[in-house]
Amino acid sequence: MNVNEQYQELLDAAFAAMQHAYAPYSRYHVGACVKTKDGTLIPGANIENASFGLTNCAERSAIFAAYSMGYRREDI
């Protein structure tokens, strides 16, 4: 798989994650994806809350999901 195909794979996963965003206030759906060293793709989506401090961006959601699955910094 060449570099462009690898980026396209990540972009496709991020766009798919957008479908799971919860954005009732901004209506701006965002998706992100982390690719681990073992090749696992871990998507994340933005999640809004009326309390702005509890809102989570897509990038953080993906990283938090990776950590929740047992991955650590050296794995990503």
C-alpha atoms as a PDB file:
ATOM      1  CA  MET A   1       0.000   0.000   0.000  1.00  0.00           C
ATOM      2  CA  ASN A   2       1.541   3.339  -0.991  1.00  0.00           C
ATOM      3  CA  VAL A   3       1.459   6.508   1.103  1.00  0.00           C
ATOM      4  CA  ASN A   4      -1.513   8.013  -0.743  1.00  0.00           C
ATOM      5  CA  GLU A   5      -3.542   4.841  -0.187  1.00  0.00           C
ATOM      6  CA  GLN A   6      -2.656   4.908   3.520  1.00  0.00           C
ATOM      7  CA  TYR A   7      -3.820   8.512   3.834  1.00  0.00           C
ATOM      8  CA  GLN A   8      -6.986   7.723   1.897  1.00  0.00           C
ATOM      9  CA  GLU A   9      -7.704   4.849   4.284  1.00  0.00           C
ATOM     10  CA  LEU A  10      -7.434   7.238   7.252  1.00  0.00           C
ATOM     11  CA  LEU A  11      -9.546   9.889   5.534  1.00  0.00           C
ATOM     12  CA  ASP A  12     -12.249   7.371   4.670  1.00  0.00           C
ATOM     13  CA  ALA A  13     -12.382   6.188   8.293  1.00  0.00           C
ATOM     14  CA  ALA A  14     -12.523   9.790   9.562  1.00  0.00           C
ATOM     15  CA  PHE A  15     -15.355  10.653   7.179  1.00  0.00           C
ATOM     16  CA  ALA A  16     -17.228   7.524   8.285  1.00  0.00           C
ATOM     17  CA  ALA A  17     -16.774   8.577  11.929  1.00  0.00           C
ATOM     18  CA  MET A  18     -18.440  11.913  11.128  1.00  0.00           C
ATOM     19  CA  GLN A  19     -21.718  10.007  10.814  1.00  0.00           C
ATOM     20  CA  HIS A  20     -21.536   9.262  14.561  1.00  0.00           C
ATOM     21  CA  ALA A  21     -20.905  12.841  15.702  1.00  0.00           C
ATOM     22  CA  TYR A  22     -23.301  14.428  18.167  1.00  0.00           C
ATOM     23  CA  ALA A  23     -23.418  18.123  17.333  1.00  0.00           C
ATOM     24  CA  PRO A  24     -26.871  19.551  18.136  1.00  0.00           C
ATOM     25  CA  TYR A  25     -25.505  23.036  18.852  1.00  0.00           C
ATOM     26  CA  SER A  26     -22.924  23.758  16.168  1.00  0.00           C
ATOM     27  CA  ARG A  27     -24.333  21.251  13.663  1.00  0.00           C
ATOM     28  CA  TYR A  28     -20.693  20.789  12.635  1.00  0.00           C
ATOM     29  CA  HIS A  29     -19.959  17.083  12.475  1.00  0.00           C
ATOM     30  CA  VAL A  30     -16.290  16.134  12.738  1.00  0.00           C
ATOM     31  CA  GLY A  31     -14.577  12.771  12.442  1.00  0.00           C
ATOM     32  CA  ALA A  32     -10.992  11.726  13.120  1.00  0.00           C
ATOM     33  CA  CYS A  33      -9.023   8.506  12.995  1.00  0.00           C
ATOM     34  CA  VAL A  34      -5.912   7.180  14.709  1.00  0.00           C
ATOM     35  CA  LYS A  35      -3.850   4.449  13.070  1.00  0.00           C
ATOM     36  CA  THR A  36      -1.816   2.383  15.506  1.00  0.00           C
ATOM     37  CA  LYS A  37       1.553   0.798  14.779  1.00  0.00           C
ATOM     38  CA  ASP A  38      -0.174  -2.566  14.356  1.00  0.00           C
ATOM     39  CA  GLY A  39      -2.427  -1.059  11.664  1.00  0.00           C
ATOM     40  CA  THR A  40      -5.625  -0.801  13.681  1.00  0.00           C
ATOM     41  CA  LEU A  41      -7.825   2.161  12.722  1.00  0.00           C
ATOM     42  CA  ILE A  42      -9.583   3.792  15.673  1.00  0.00           C
ATOM     43  CA  PRO A  43     -12.193   6.410  14.757  1.00  0.00           C
ATOM     44  CA  GLY A  44     -13.550   9.232  16.871  1.00  0.00           C
ATOM     45  CA  ALA A  45     -16.297  11.822  16.490  1.00  0.00           C
ATOM     46  CA  ASN A  46     -17.041  15.129  18.158  1.00  0.00           C
ATOM     47  CA  ILE A  47     -19.551  15.051  21.005  1.00  0.00           C
ATOM     48  CA  GLU A  48     -21.157  18.301  22.120  1.00  0.00           C
ATOM     49  CA  ASN A  49     -22.777  19.090  25.438  1.00  0.00           C
ATOM     50  CA  ALA A  50     -24.731  22.094  26.681  1.00  0.00           C
ATOM     51  CA  SER A  51     -21.930  22.484  29.212  1.00  0.00           C
ATOM     52  CA  PHE A  52     -19.132  23.507  26.846  1.00  0.00           C
ATOM     53  CA  GLY A  53     -16.464  22.053  29.155  1.00  0.00           C
ATOM     54  CA  LEU A  54     -17.906  18.573  28.638  1.00  0.00           C
ATOM     55  CA  THR A  55     -17.739  18.840  24.839  1.00  0.00           C
ATOM     56  CA  ASN A  56     -15.162  16.535  23.255  1.00  0.00           C
ATOM     57  CA  CYS A  57     -13.490  16.992  19.877  1.00  0.00           C
ATOM     58  CA  ALA A  58     -13.151  14.135  17.396  1.00  0.00           C
ATOM     59  CA  GLU A  59      -9.379  13.930  17.774  1.00  0.00           C
ATOM     60  CA  ARG A  60      -9.579  13.525  21.537  1.00  0.00           C
ATOM     61  CA  SER A  61     -12.367  10.992  21.136  1.00  0.00           C
ATOM     62  CA  ALA A  62     -10.151   8.869  18.873  1.00  0.00           C
ATOM     63  CA  ILE A  63      -7.181   9.080  21.259  1.00  0.00           C
ATOM     64  CA  PHE A  64      -9.383   8.297  24.267  1.00  0.00           C
ATOM     65  CA  ALA A  65     -10.835   5.301  22.421  1.00  0.00           C
ATOM     66  CA  ALA A  66      -7.324   4.039  21.651  1.00  0.00           C
ATOM     67  CA  TYR A  67      -6.328   4.333  25.308  1.00  0.00           C
ATOM     68  CA  SER A  68      -9.586   2.655  26.360  1.00  0.00           C
ATOM     69  CA  MET A  69      -8.670  -0.270  24.097  1.00  0.00           C
ATOM     70  CA  GLY A  70      -5.328  -0.629  25.878  1.00  0.00           C
ATOM     71  CA  TYR A  71      -3.072   1.195  23.414  1.00  0.00           C
ATOM     72  CA  ARG A  72      -0.437   3.514  24.819  1.00  0.00           C
ATOM     73  CA  ARG A  73       1.717   6.266  23.378  1.00  0.00           C
ATOM     74  CA  GLU A  74       4.381   3.857  22.141  1.00  0.00           C
ATOM     75  CA  ASP A  75       1.697   1.908  20.227  1.00  0.00           C
ATOM     76  CA  ILE A  76       0.332   4.857  18.274  1.00  0.00           C
END
